[in-house]
Amino acid sequence: MTSVAERLDIADRLRGISLANSRRVDVEADAPDRAVVTDGWIRKWDQQKGEYFWENPKMSVITHENPFLFESPSTVPSAMANQWFKVFDEKEQKNYYVNPTLSKEQWNKPVESAETVQLVKAHYMEEYAVEHFNRKHGWLHGEESVESLLAHSDKPLKYPLLKMDSELERCALLLNKEIHEYTDGKKKREDSAERIRRMIALLLLSPAVLVDECYCQLMKHMTKCHTQYVQSAKYKCRLVIDRTWEILSILSASVLPSAEFTPYVEFFIQNSNNTVNTELPQRCYSLFTECKIVGSRVEVPSLEEIRAILVPTRRDCDE
C-alpha cells in the first residue's frame, strides 16, 4: 500500500518541489490538506512478475503500490474523499473507475451522487471479527490479533474462526481441510465438482454459524495471500485465490449467510480486487444477489450445475 510519505513525494514532484530541500513535515498531520494527484494514471500488467503496477506519465512516476488504495476511509485525503476517479487499464484497453472511500473498483461508469456515496455503509471484516471471532485459545494463550486471523495461511486451521459450540468445531475444521485440499492444486480437477458438492450438502444441513464460518474461511483464504509466497510462487497465489473464488461462487449460489453477516460478505465480494480475473468476483456477486432474491436452496446442486460455474474459472486457472 502506498504510504502517505510516498503520495506526498509524488504530489511534490508534480509541483517541482524537492522534499530533500524542504523542511521535515508531519506527513500524517499535513496529508489531508496537501495536493494529491488523481488524474493521468495508467494501470499496467507486469507479465514477468504476474502483478499490476501503476504509471503516471505526466509525473514520470512508476509504482507497484496502488495510489488509490488506503488502509481505511478515515485515511483517504480530503481531496479524494467520496469521489470516483478514472484510470486506464492497459491490459484490458479500457477505463475503470475507483472510489478510495468505498475501496471499490468497477468497469462501468458510476452515477456521481454525493448523496448515494454517503449512504453506502462499509462493512469491514475487521469490525465483525472483533466481536464474533474466537481470538483466544486456552487460558495460557493471549488473544490472537484480528489481522492475523483474517490473513491467509498455508496451514489448515487448528480452531474455528467463529465462536461456536464445541460439537460444531469438528465440522468447521473439516470444511477448512476441504478448502485447503481443493485450492492447493494437488488434487485432480475431475474431483472438483464432487468435492464442492459435499461441502454444500453439509452446509445445507448445518446451523447458520457453520455457514458463516465457511464464508469467513473462504474470505480469509484470499486475504493477503500474495504476501505468503515468494516471487517465484506468484502463480501458486493466483491458483489459490481463483480456486477459492470458485468455492465462494457456488456457495453464494446455494446457501446464504446469516442476516447479520450478509452485508459483510456482500461488501467483501463487491470490493475485492485480489484476482487479475475480474470476472470471478463479478460472477460471484451476481450469483449472491440472485440467491438473496430467491433464498437458499433446499436441495444440493447437481454436479452439472456446479461444473457450469467451474468451467470458465478452470480455463483461466489452467492457462
C-alpha atoms as a PDB file:
ATOM      1  CA  MET A   1       0.000   0.000   0.000  1.00  0.00           C
ATOM      2  CA  THR A   2       1.347   3.447  -0.893  1.00  0.00           C
ATOM      3  CA  SER A   3       2.462   5.310   2.200  1.00  0.00           C
ATOM      4  CA  VAL A   4       1.390   8.866   2.920  1.00  0.00           C
ATOM      5  CA  ALA A   5       5.002   9.969   2.516  1.00  0.00           C
ATOM      6  CA  GLU A   6       5.189   8.417  -0.957  1.00  0.00           C
ATOM      7  CA  ARG A   7       1.968  10.142  -2.004  1.00  0.00           C
ATOM      8  CA  LEU A   8       3.319  13.479  -0.802  1.00  0.00           C
ATOM      9  CA  ASP A   9       6.522  12.896  -2.714  1.00  0.00           C
ATOM     10  CA  ILE A  10       4.521  12.239  -5.888  1.00  0.00           C
ATOM     11  CA  ALA A  11       2.496  15.409  -5.354  1.00  0.00           C
ATOM     12  CA  ASP A  12       5.599  17.479  -4.705  1.00  0.00           C
ATOM     13  CA  ARG A  13       7.305  16.204  -7.828  1.00  0.00           C
ATOM     14  CA  LEU A  14       4.368  17.460  -9.859  1.00  0.00           C
ATOM     15  CA  ARG A  15       4.753  20.905  -8.318  1.00  0.00           C
ATOM     16  CA  GLY A  16       8.501  20.846  -8.977  1.00  0.00           C
ATOM     17  CA  ILE A  17       9.368  20.840  -5.295  1.00  0.00           C
ATOM     18  CA  SER A  18      12.092  18.621  -3.884  1.00  0.00           C
ATOM     19  CA  LEU A  19      11.367  17.153  -0.481  1.00  0.00           C
ATOM     20  CA  ALA A  20      15.078  16.761   0.053  1.00  0.00           C
ATOM     21  CA  ASN A  21      15.478  20.564   0.183  1.00  0.00           C
ATOM     22  CA  SER A  22      12.324  21.261   2.162  1.00  0.00           C
ATOM     23  CA  ARG A  23      11.694  21.219   5.871  1.00  0.00           C
ATOM     24  CA  ARG A  24      10.693  17.958   7.517  1.00  0.00           C
ATOM     25  CA  VAL A  25       6.930  17.747   7.918  1.00  0.00           C
ATOM     26  CA  ASP A  26       4.487  15.696   9.915  1.00  0.00           C
ATOM     27  CA  VAL A  27       3.049  13.793   6.961  1.00  0.00           C
ATOM     28  CA  GLU A  28       0.165  12.305   8.918  1.00  0.00           C
ATOM     29  CA  ALA A  29      -0.965  15.734  10.077  1.00  0.00           C
ATOM     30  CA  ASP A  30      -0.327  17.584   6.830  1.00  0.00           C
ATOM     31  CA  ALA A  31      -1.537  14.937   4.373  1.00  0.00           C
ATOM     32  CA  PRO A  32      -5.258  15.829   4.218  1.00  0.00           C
ATOM     33  CA  ASP A  33      -4.547  19.425   3.226  1.00  0.00           C
ATOM     34  CA  ARG A  34      -1.812  18.811   0.659  1.00  0.00           C
ATOM     35  CA  ALA A  35      -2.284  18.332  -3.072  1.00  0.00           C
ATOM     36  CA  VAL A  36      -2.971  14.808  -4.274  1.00  0.00           C
ATOM     37  CA  VAL A  37      -2.714  13.898  -7.958  1.00  0.00           C
ATOM     38  CA  THR A  38      -5.554  11.706  -9.198  1.00  0.00           C
ATOM     39  CA  ASP A  39      -5.521  12.082 -12.987  1.00  0.00           C
ATOM     40  CA  GLY A  40      -3.279  10.570 -15.648  1.00  0.00           C
ATOM     41  CA  TRP A  41      -2.774   7.175 -14.010  1.00  0.00           C
ATOM     42  CA  ILE A  42      -2.401   4.013 -16.099  1.00  0.00           C
ATOM     43  CA  ARG A  43      -2.632   0.516 -14.633  1.00  0.00           C
ATOM     44  CA  LYS A  44      -0.248  -1.871 -16.407  1.00  0.00           C
ATOM     45  CA  TRP A  45       0.340  -5.598 -16.185  1.00  0.00           C
ATOM     46  CA  ASP A  46       3.824  -6.955 -15.474  1.00  0.00           C
ATOM     47  CA  GLN A  47       3.784 -10.282 -17.310  1.00  0.00           C
ATOM     48  CA  GLN A  48       7.077 -11.445 -15.795  1.00  0.00           C
ATOM     49  CA  LYS A  49       6.078 -10.778 -12.177  1.00  0.00           C
ATOM     50  CA  GLY A  50       2.410 -11.569 -12.677  1.00  0.00           C
ATOM     51  CA  GLU A  51       1.139  -8.406 -10.997  1.00  0.00           C
ATOM     52  CA  TYR A  52      -0.115  -4.895 -11.707  1.00  0.00           C
ATOM     53  CA  PHE A  53       1.840  -1.662 -11.461  1.00  0.00           C
ATOM     54  CA  TRP A  54       0.803   1.964 -11.963  1.00  0.00           C
ATOM     55  CA  GLU A  55       2.398   4.673 -14.127  1.00  0.00           C
ATOM     56  CA  ASN A  56       1.682   8.383 -14.369  1.00  0.00           C
ATOM     57  CA  PRO A  57       3.441   9.754 -17.495  1.00  0.00           C
ATOM     58  CA  LYS A  58       2.629  13.346 -16.524  1.00  0.00           C
ATOM     59  CA  MET A  59       4.609  12.939 -13.331  1.00  0.00           C
ATOM     60  CA  SER A  60       7.191  10.450 -14.642  1.00  0.00           C
ATOM     61  CA  VAL A  61       6.253   8.128 -11.776  1.00  0.00           C
ATOM     62  CA  ILE A  62       6.037   4.328 -11.715  1.00  0.00           C
ATOM     63  CA  THR A  63       4.871   2.465  -8.610  1.00  0.00           C
ATOM     64  CA  HIS A  64       3.849  -1.070  -7.731  1.00  0.00           C
ATOM     65  CA  GLU A  65       1.612   0.280  -4.956  1.00  0.00           C
ATOM     66  CA  ASN A  66      -1.979   1.181  -5.797  1.00  0.00           C
ATOM     67  CA  PRO A  67      -2.182   5.010  -5.465  1.00  0.00           C
ATOM     68  CA  PHE A  68      -5.930   4.773  -4.778  1.00  0.00           C
ATOM     69  CA  LEU A  69      -5.779   2.156  -2.017  1.00  0.00           C
ATOM     70  CA  PHE A  70      -5.816   3.271   1.624  1.00  0.00           C
ATOM     71  CA  GLU A  71      -5.949   1.454   4.948  1.00  0.00           C
ATOM     72  CA  SER A  72      -9.406   2.784   5.804  1.00  0.00           C
ATOM     73  CA  PRO A  73     -11.843   5.538   4.729  1.00  0.00           C
ATOM     74  CA  SER A  74     -10.511   7.780   7.510  1.00  0.00           C
ATOM     75  CA  THR A  75      -7.040   7.839   5.909  1.00  0.00           C
ATOM     76  CA  VAL A  76      -8.278   8.928   2.471  1.00  0.00           C
ATOM     77  CA  PRO A  77      -7.109  12.535   1.800  1.00  0.00           C
ATOM     78  CA  SER A  78      -9.919  15.078   1.764  1.00  0.00           C
ATOM     79  CA  ALA A  79      -9.194  15.837  -1.908  1.00  0.00           C
ATOM     80  CA  MET A  80     -10.029  12.211  -2.787  1.00  0.00           C
ATOM     81  CA  ALA A  81     -12.864  11.544  -0.351  1.00  0.00           C
ATOM     82  CA  ASN A  82     -16.266  10.399  -1.667  1.00  0.00           C
ATOM     83  CA  GLN A  83     -15.218  10.644  -5.310  1.00  0.00           C
ATOM     84  CA  TRP A  84     -14.796   8.356  -8.317  1.00  0.00           C
ATOM     85  CA  PHE A  85     -11.624   8.547 -10.409  1.00  0.00           C
ATOM     86  CA  LYS A  86     -10.956   7.230 -13.897  1.00  0.00           C
ATOM     87  CA  VAL A  87      -7.892   5.036 -14.535  1.00  0.00           C
ATOM     88  CA  PHE A  88      -6.871   3.489 -17.859  1.00  0.00           C
ATOM     89  CA  ASP A  89      -6.214  -0.258 -17.754  1.00  0.00           C
ATOM     90  CA  GLU A  90      -3.593  -1.022 -20.405  1.00  0.00           C
ATOM     91  CA  LYS A  91      -4.133  -4.801 -20.220  1.00  0.00           C
ATOM     92  CA  GLU A  92      -7.872  -4.560 -20.915  1.00  0.00           C
ATOM     93  CA  GLN A  93      -7.526  -1.418 -23.079  1.00  0.00           C
ATOM     94  CA  LYS A  94     -10.349   0.415 -21.339  1.00  0.00           C
ATOM     95  CA  ASN A  95     -11.026   2.697 -18.390  1.00  0.00           C
ATOM     96  CA  TYR A  96     -12.070   1.522 -14.963  1.00  0.00           C
ATOM     97  CA  TYR A  97     -13.345   3.631 -12.082  1.00  0.00           C
ATOM     98  CA  VAL A  98     -12.132   3.641  -8.494  1.00  0.00           C
ATOM     99  CA  ASN A  99     -13.549   5.135  -5.297  1.00  0.00           C
ATOM    100  CA  PRO A 100     -10.926   5.245  -2.484  1.00  0.00           C
ATOM    101  CA  THR A 101     -13.519   5.960   0.203  1.00  0.00           C
ATOM    102  CA  LEU A 102     -15.523   2.850  -0.689  1.00  0.00           C
ATOM    103  CA  SER A 103     -12.401   0.811  -1.568  1.00  0.00           C
ATOM    104  CA  LYS A 104     -14.228  -0.078  -4.760  1.00  0.00           C
ATOM    105  CA  GLU A 105     -13.260  -0.604  -8.403  1.00  0.00           C
ATOM    106  CA  GLN A 106     -15.634  -1.164 -11.319  1.00  0.00           C
ATOM    107  CA  TRP A 107     -15.667  -1.099 -15.116  1.00  0.00           C
ATOM    108  CA  ASN A 108     -19.000   0.665 -15.517  1.00  0.00           C
ATOM    109  CA  LYS A 109     -19.035   4.433 -15.217  1.00  0.00           C
ATOM    110  CA  PRO A 110     -20.672   5.284 -11.880  1.00  0.00           C
ATOM    111  CA  VAL A 111     -23.507   7.724 -11.456  1.00  0.00           C
ATOM    112  CA  GLU A 112     -21.961  10.571  -9.490  1.00  0.00           C
ATOM    113  CA  SER A 113     -24.011  11.470  -6.454  1.00  0.00           C
ATOM    114  CA  ALA A 114     -22.688  12.711  -3.145  1.00  0.00           C
ATOM    115  CA  GLU A 115     -25.908  11.513  -1.566  1.00  0.00           C
ATOM    116  CA  THR A 116     -25.593   7.942  -2.794  1.00  0.00           C
ATOM    117  CA  VAL A 117     -21.899   7.801  -1.889  1.00  0.00           C
ATOM    118  CA  GLN A 118     -22.563   8.846   1.684  1.00  0.00           C
ATOM    119  CA  LEU A 119     -25.495   6.447   2.090  1.00  0.00           C
ATOM    120  CA  VAL A 120     -23.310   3.424   1.331  1.00  0.00           C
ATOM    121  CA  LYS A 121     -22.126   1.856   4.579  1.00  0.00           C
ATOM    122  CA  ALA A 122     -18.870  -0.019   4.523  1.00  0.00           C
ATOM    123  CA  HIS A 123     -18.881  -3.365   6.313  1.00  0.00           C
ATOM    124  CA  TYR A 124     -15.282  -4.267   7.067  1.00  0.00           C
ATOM    125  CA  MET A 125     -14.429  -7.772   8.233  1.00  0.00           C
ATOM    126  CA  GLU A 126     -12.167  -6.313  10.906  1.00  0.00           C
ATOM    127  CA  GLU A 127     -15.211  -4.869  12.661  1.00  0.00           C
ATOM    128  CA  TYR A 128     -17.088  -8.167  12.506  1.00  0.00           C
ATOM    129  CA  ALA A 129     -14.070 -10.172  13.656  1.00  0.00           C
ATOM    130  CA  VAL A 130     -13.551  -8.117  16.809  1.00  0.00           C
ATOM    131  CA  GLU A 131     -16.967  -9.141  18.099  1.00  0.00           C
ATOM    132  CA  HIS A 132     -17.501 -12.613  16.644  1.00  0.00           C
ATOM    133  CA  PHE A 133     -14.111 -14.273  16.105  1.00  0.00           C
ATOM    134  CA  ASN A 134     -12.695 -16.779  18.566  1.00  0.00           C
ATOM    135  CA  ARG A 135      -9.471 -14.935  19.372  1.00  0.00           C
ATOM    136  CA  LYS A 136      -8.369 -16.782  22.498  1.00  0.00           C
ATOM    137  CA  HIS A 137      -7.490 -20.489  22.590  1.00  0.00           C
ATOM    138  CA  GLY A 138      -6.914 -21.699  26.115  1.00  0.00           C
ATOM    139  CA  TRP A 139      -6.065 -19.740  29.250  1.00  0.00           C
ATOM    140  CA  LEU A 140      -2.322 -19.998  28.623  1.00  0.00           C
ATOM    141  CA  HIS A 141      -2.550 -18.120  25.321  1.00  0.00           C
ATOM    142  CA  GLY A 142      -3.158 -14.433  24.742  1.00  0.00           C
ATOM    143  CA  GLU A 143      -5.618 -13.104  22.205  1.00  0.00           C
ATOM    144  CA  GLU A 144      -4.637 -13.554  18.563  1.00  0.00           C
ATOM    145  CA  SER A 145      -4.711 -10.362  16.529  1.00  0.00           C
ATOM    146  CA  VAL A 146      -7.607  -9.740  14.161  1.00  0.00           C
ATOM    147  CA  GLU A 147      -5.136  -9.046  11.353  1.00  0.00           C
ATOM    148  CA  SER A 148      -3.569 -12.476  11.797  1.00  0.00           C
ATOM    149  CA  LEU A 149      -6.935 -14.235  11.957  1.00  0.00           C
ATOM    150  CA  LEU A 150      -8.100 -12.577   8.736  1.00  0.00           C
ATOM    151  CA  ALA A 151      -4.906 -13.221   6.747  1.00  0.00           C
ATOM    152  CA  HIS A 152      -4.203 -16.217   4.522  1.00  0.00           C
ATOM    153  CA  SER A 153      -2.239 -19.117   5.917  1.00  0.00           C
ATOM    154  CA  ASP A 154      -0.954 -22.136   4.018  1.00  0.00           C
ATOM    155  CA  LYS A 155      -1.628 -24.250   7.124  1.00  0.00           C
ATOM    156  CA  PRO A 156      -5.132 -25.536   7.971  1.00  0.00           C
ATOM    157  CA  LEU A 157      -6.897 -24.012  10.966  1.00  0.00           C
ATOM    158  CA  LYS A 158      -6.435 -25.539  14.405  1.00  0.00           C
ATOM    159  CA  TYR A 159      -9.536 -23.797  15.740  1.00  0.00           C
ATOM    160  CA  PRO A 160     -12.688 -22.403  14.082  1.00  0.00           C
ATOM    161  CA  LEU A 161     -12.658 -18.682  13.326  1.00  0.00           C
ATOM    162  CA  LEU A 162     -16.069 -18.022  14.879  1.00  0.00           C
ATOM    163  CA  LYS A 163     -17.269 -18.646  18.395  1.00  0.00           C
ATOM    164  CA  MET A 164     -19.414 -21.780  18.315  1.00  0.00           C
ATOM    165  CA  ASP A 165     -20.496 -24.805  20.331  1.00  0.00           C
ATOM    166  CA  SER A 166     -17.817 -27.448  20.739  1.00  0.00           C
ATOM    167  CA  GLU A 167     -19.852 -30.085  18.864  1.00  0.00           C
ATOM    168  CA  LEU A 168     -19.668 -27.940  15.702  1.00  0.00           C
ATOM    169  CA  GLU A 169     -15.913 -27.366  15.807  1.00  0.00           C
ATOM    170  CA  ARG A 170     -15.055 -30.667  14.115  1.00  0.00           C
ATOM    171  CA  CYS A 171     -17.286 -29.800  11.149  1.00  0.00           C
ATOM    172  CA  ALA A 172     -15.691 -26.334  10.884  1.00  0.00           C
ATOM    173  CA  LEU A 173     -12.195 -27.828  10.732  1.00  0.00           C
ATOM    174  CA  LEU A 174     -13.349 -30.431   8.213  1.00  0.00           C
ATOM    175  CA  LEU A 175     -14.588 -27.621   5.956  1.00  0.00           C
ATOM    176  CA  ASN A 176     -11.233 -25.879   6.253  1.00  0.00           C
ATOM    177  CA  LYS A 177      -9.410 -29.081   5.310  1.00  0.00           C
ATOM    178  CA  GLU A 178     -11.601 -29.400   2.211  1.00  0.00           C
ATOM    179  CA  ILE A 179     -10.863 -25.786   1.240  1.00  0.00           C
ATOM    180  CA  HIS A 180      -7.103 -26.283   1.541  1.00  0.00           C
ATOM    181  CA  GLU A 181      -7.102 -29.547  -0.395  1.00  0.00           C
ATOM    182  CA  TYR A 182      -9.226 -28.039  -3.152  1.00  0.00           C
ATOM    183  CA  THR A 183      -7.115 -24.910  -3.589  1.00  0.00           C
ATOM    184  CA  ASP A 184      -3.595 -26.332  -3.234  1.00  0.00           C
ATOM    185  CA  GLY A 185      -3.608 -27.617  -6.831  1.00  0.00           C
ATOM    186  CA  LYS A 186      -2.510 -31.156  -5.915  1.00  0.00           C
ATOM    187  CA  LYS A 187      -5.868 -32.834  -6.447  1.00  0.00           C
ATOM    188  CA  LYS A 188      -7.150 -33.727  -9.891  1.00  0.00           C
ATOM    189  CA  ARG A 189      -9.598 -31.246 -11.353  1.00  0.00           C
ATOM    190  CA  GLU A 190     -12.054 -34.074 -12.090  1.00  0.00           C
ATOM    191  CA  ASP A 191     -12.623 -34.197  -8.334  1.00  0.00           C
ATOM    192  CA  SER A 192     -13.525 -30.501  -8.121  1.00  0.00           C
ATOM    193  CA  ALA A 193     -17.287 -30.555  -8.551  1.00  0.00           C
ATOM    194  CA  GLU A 194     -17.825 -33.547  -6.266  1.00  0.00           C
ATOM    195  CA  ARG A 195     -15.666 -32.027  -3.515  1.00  0.00           C
ATOM    196  CA  ILE A 196     -17.598 -28.736  -3.549  1.00  0.00           C
ATOM    197  CA  ARG A 197     -20.901 -30.613  -3.704  1.00  0.00           C
ATOM    198  CA  ARG A 198     -20.007 -32.414  -0.461  1.00  0.00           C
ATOM    199  CA  MET A 199     -19.314 -29.088   1.227  1.00  0.00           C
ATOM    200  CA  ILE A 200     -22.636 -27.609   0.102  1.00  0.00           C
ATOM    201  CA  ALA A 201     -24.503 -30.756   1.204  1.00  0.00           C
ATOM    202  CA  LEU A 202     -23.029 -30.407   4.691  1.00  0.00           C
ATOM    203  CA  LEU A 203     -23.831 -26.691   4.927  1.00  0.00           C
ATOM    204  CA  LEU A 204     -27.449 -27.112   3.814  1.00  0.00           C
ATOM    205  CA  LEU A 205     -27.990 -29.261   6.910  1.00  0.00           C
ATOM    206  CA  SER A 206     -25.921 -27.078   9.238  1.00  0.00           C
ATOM    207  CA  PRO A 207     -26.815 -24.234  11.620  1.00  0.00           C
ATOM    208  CA  ALA A 208     -26.206 -20.655  10.455  1.00  0.00           C
ATOM    209  CA  VAL A 209     -22.971 -20.264  12.434  1.00  0.00           C
ATOM    210  CA  LEU A 210     -21.326 -23.032  10.400  1.00  0.00           C
ATOM    211  CA  VAL A 211     -22.401 -21.414   7.132  1.00  0.00           C
ATOM    212  CA  ASP A 212     -20.966 -18.094   8.340  1.00  0.00           C
ATOM    213  CA  GLU A 213     -17.795 -19.942   9.352  1.00  0.00           C
ATOM    214  CA  CYS A 214     -17.345 -21.270   5.822  1.00  0.00           C
ATOM    215  CA  TYR A 215     -17.781 -17.794   4.329  1.00  0.00           C
ATOM    216  CA  CYS A 216     -15.225 -16.438   6.836  1.00  0.00           C
ATOM    217  CA  GLN A 217     -12.730 -19.178   5.980  1.00  0.00           C
ATOM    218  CA  LEU A 218     -13.019 -18.505   2.256  1.00  0.00           C
ATOM    219  CA  MET A 219     -12.538 -14.749   2.667  1.00  0.00           C
ATOM    220  CA  LYS A 220      -9.562 -15.355   4.969  1.00  0.00           C
ATOM    221  CA  HIS A 221      -8.061 -17.749   2.408  1.00  0.00           C
ATOM    222  CA  MET A 222      -7.923 -14.947  -0.185  1.00  0.00           C
ATOM    223  CA  THR A 223      -6.834 -12.088   2.090  1.00  0.00           C
ATOM    224  CA  LYS A 224      -3.146 -11.126   1.862  1.00  0.00           C
ATOM    225  CA  CYS A 225      -2.487 -14.384   0.038  1.00  0.00           C
ATOM    226  CA  HIS A 226       0.159 -12.692  -2.125  1.00  0.00           C
ATOM    227  CA  THR A 227       2.308 -11.960   0.958  1.00  0.00           C
ATOM    228  CA  GLN A 228       2.662 -15.661   1.792  1.00  0.00           C
ATOM    229  CA  TYR A 229       4.580 -16.721  -1.296  1.00  0.00           C
ATOM    230  CA  VAL A 230       7.942 -15.790  -2.763  1.00  0.00           C
ATOM    231  CA  GLN A 231       8.059 -14.136  -6.171  1.00  0.00           C
ATOM    232  CA  SER A 232       8.718 -17.437  -7.939  1.00  0.00           C
ATOM    233  CA  ALA A 233       5.474 -18.814  -6.490  1.00  0.00           C
ATOM    234  CA  LYS A 234       3.159 -15.996  -7.585  1.00  0.00           C
ATOM    235  CA  TYR A 235       1.339 -18.468  -9.815  1.00  0.00           C
ATOM    236  CA  LYS A 236       0.582 -20.524  -6.712  1.00  0.00           C
ATOM    237  CA  CYS A 237      -1.023 -17.451  -5.145  1.00  0.00           C
ATOM    238  CA  ARG A 238      -3.225 -16.851  -8.177  1.00  0.00           C
ATOM    239  CA  LEU A 239      -4.234 -20.509  -8.233  1.00  0.00           C
ATOM    240  CA  VAL A 240      -5.245 -20.420  -4.560  1.00  0.00           C
ATOM    241  CA  ILE A 241      -7.226 -17.204  -4.929  1.00  0.00           C
ATOM    242  CA  ASP A 242      -9.039 -18.180  -8.130  1.00  0.00           C
ATOM    243  CA  ARG A 243      -9.984 -21.623  -6.829  1.00  0.00           C
ATOM    244  CA  THR A 244     -11.231 -20.046  -3.617  1.00  0.00           C
ATOM    245  CA  TRP A 245     -13.444 -17.809  -5.740  1.00  0.00           C
ATOM    246  CA  GLU A 246     -14.822 -20.994  -7.328  1.00  0.00           C
ATOM    247  CA  ILE A 247     -15.971 -22.326  -3.960  1.00  0.00           C
ATOM    248  CA  LEU A 248     -17.292 -18.934  -2.864  1.00  0.00           C
ATOM    249  CA  SER A 249     -19.282 -18.562  -6.097  1.00  0.00           C
ATOM    250  CA  ILE A 250     -21.009 -21.924  -5.707  1.00  0.00           C
ATOM    251  CA  LEU A 251     -21.599 -21.306  -2.003  1.00  0.00           C
ATOM    252  CA  SER A 252     -23.084 -17.886  -2.830  1.00  0.00           C
ATOM    253  CA  ALA A 253     -25.448 -19.505  -5.300  1.00  0.00           C
ATOM    254  CA  SER A 254     -26.555 -22.153  -2.810  1.00  0.00           C
ATOM    255  CA  VAL A 255     -26.573 -21.051   0.832  1.00  0.00           C
ATOM    256  CA  LEU A 256     -26.954 -17.543   2.278  1.00  0.00           C
ATOM    257  CA  PRO A 257     -25.064 -16.422   5.370  1.00  0.00           C
ATOM    258  CA  SER A 258     -26.927 -15.132   8.412  1.00  0.00           C
ATOM    259  CA  ALA A 259     -28.782 -11.828   8.099  1.00  0.00           C
ATOM    260  CA  GLU A 260     -26.229 -10.124  10.348  1.00  0.00           C
ATOM    261  CA  PHE A 261     -23.253 -11.377   8.322  1.00  0.00           C
ATOM    262  CA  THR A 262     -24.730 -10.899   4.828  1.00  0.00           C
ATOM    263  CA  PRO A 263     -23.683  -7.202   4.455  1.00  0.00           C
ATOM    264  CA  TYR A 264     -20.069  -8.115   5.257  1.00  0.00           C
ATOM    265  CA  VAL A 265     -19.979 -10.889   2.664  1.00  0.00           C
ATOM    266  CA  GLU A 266     -21.608  -8.623   0.088  1.00  0.00           C
ATOM    267  CA  PHE A 267     -19.154  -5.813   0.790  1.00  0.00           C
ATOM    268  CA  PHE A 268     -16.194  -8.188   0.507  1.00  0.00           C
ATOM    269  CA  ILE A 269     -17.334  -9.557  -2.860  1.00  0.00           C
ATOM    270  CA  GLN A 270     -18.164  -6.121  -4.277  1.00  0.00           C
ATOM    271  CA  ASN A 271     -14.842  -4.565  -3.283  1.00  0.00           C
ATOM    272  CA  SER A 272     -12.398  -7.405  -3.881  1.00  0.00           C
ATOM    273  CA  ASN A 273      -9.541  -6.771  -6.294  1.00  0.00           C
ATOM    274  CA  ASN A 274      -7.362  -9.732  -5.315  1.00  0.00           C
ATOM    275  CA  THR A 275      -7.509 -11.508  -8.690  1.00  0.00           C
ATOM    276  CA  VAL A 276      -6.491 -10.498 -12.195  1.00  0.00           C
ATOM    277  CA  ASN A 277      -9.545 -12.394 -13.435  1.00  0.00           C
ATOM    278  CA  THR A 278     -12.121  -9.682 -12.733  1.00  0.00           C
ATOM    279  CA  GLU A 279     -14.943 -11.915 -13.956  1.00  0.00           C
ATOM    280  CA  LEU A 280     -14.657 -14.079 -10.834  1.00  0.00           C
ATOM    281  CA  PRO A 281     -15.914 -11.542  -8.246  1.00  0.00           C
ATOM    282  CA  GLN A 282     -18.430 -10.167 -10.762  1.00  0.00           C
ATOM    283  CA  ARG A 283     -19.939 -13.591 -11.361  1.00  0.00           C
ATOM    284  CA  CYS A 284     -19.860 -14.377  -7.650  1.00  0.00           C
ATOM    285  CA  TYR A 285     -21.718 -11.156  -6.835  1.00  0.00           C
ATOM    286  CA  SER A 286     -24.329 -11.906  -9.489  1.00  0.00           C
ATOM    287  CA  LEU A 287     -24.922 -15.377  -8.009  1.00  0.00           C
ATOM    288  CA  PHE A 288     -25.039 -13.987  -4.474  1.00  0.00           C
ATOM    289  CA  THR A 289     -27.565 -11.318  -5.458  1.00  0.00           C
ATOM    290  CA  GLU A 290     -29.804 -13.889  -7.156  1.00  0.00           C
ATOM    291  CA  CYS A 291     -29.643 -16.147  -4.095  1.00  0.00           C
ATOM    292  CA  LYS A 292     -30.699 -13.209  -1.896  1.00  0.00           C
ATOM    293  CA  ILE A 293     -33.802 -12.843  -4.054  1.00  0.00           C
ATOM    294  CA  VAL A 294     -34.861 -16.498  -4.237  1.00  0.00           C
ATOM    295  CA  GLY A 295     -33.395 -17.692  -0.927  1.00  0.00           C
ATOM    296  CA  SER A 296     -31.086 -20.584  -0.051  1.00  0.00           C
ATOM    297  CA  ARG A 297     -31.501 -23.845  -1.907  1.00  0.00           C
ATOM    298  CA  VAL A 298     -33.453 -26.751  -0.470  1.00  0.00           C
ATOM    299  CA  GLU A 299     -31.636 -29.425  -2.467  1.00  0.00           C
ATOM    300  CA  VAL A 300     -27.935 -29.913  -3.106  1.00  0.00           C
ATOM    301  CA  PRO A 301     -26.905 -28.532  -6.540  1.00  0.00           C
ATOM    302  CA  SER A 302     -26.206 -31.173  -9.160  1.00  0.00           C
ATOM    303  CA  LEU A 303     -22.728 -31.855 -10.490  1.00  0.00           C
ATOM    304  CA  GLU A 304     -23.830 -30.377 -13.828  1.00  0.00           C
ATOM    305  CA  GLU A 305     -24.835 -27.095 -12.165  1.00  0.00           C
ATOM    306  CA  ILE A 306     -21.554 -26.893 -10.301  1.00  0.00           C
ATOM    307  CA  ARG A 307     -19.486 -27.691 -13.377  1.00  0.00           C
ATOM    308  CA  ALA A 308     -21.297 -24.957 -15.324  1.00  0.00           C
ATOM    309  CA  ILE A 309     -19.874 -22.428 -12.846  1.00  0.00           C
ATOM    310  CA  LEU A 310     -16.427 -24.044 -12.716  1.00  0.00           C
ATOM    311  CA  VAL A 311     -15.788 -24.249 -16.464  1.00  0.00           C
ATOM    312  CA  PRO A 312     -14.778 -20.587 -17.109  1.00  0.00           C
ATOM    313  CA  THR A 313     -12.599 -20.476 -13.981  1.00  0.00           C
ATOM    314  CA  ARG A 314     -10.966 -23.785 -14.795  1.00  0.00           C
ATOM    315  CA  ARG A 315      -9.865 -22.464 -18.163  1.00  0.00           C
ATOM    316  CA  ASP A 316      -8.407 -19.301 -16.658  1.00  0.00           C
ATOM    317  CA  CYS A 317      -6.600 -21.087 -13.826  1.00  0.00           C
ATOM    318  CA  ASP A 318      -5.046 -23.714 -16.042  1.00  0.00           C
ATOM    319  CA  GLU A 319      -3.621 -21.314 -18.604  1.00  0.00           C
END
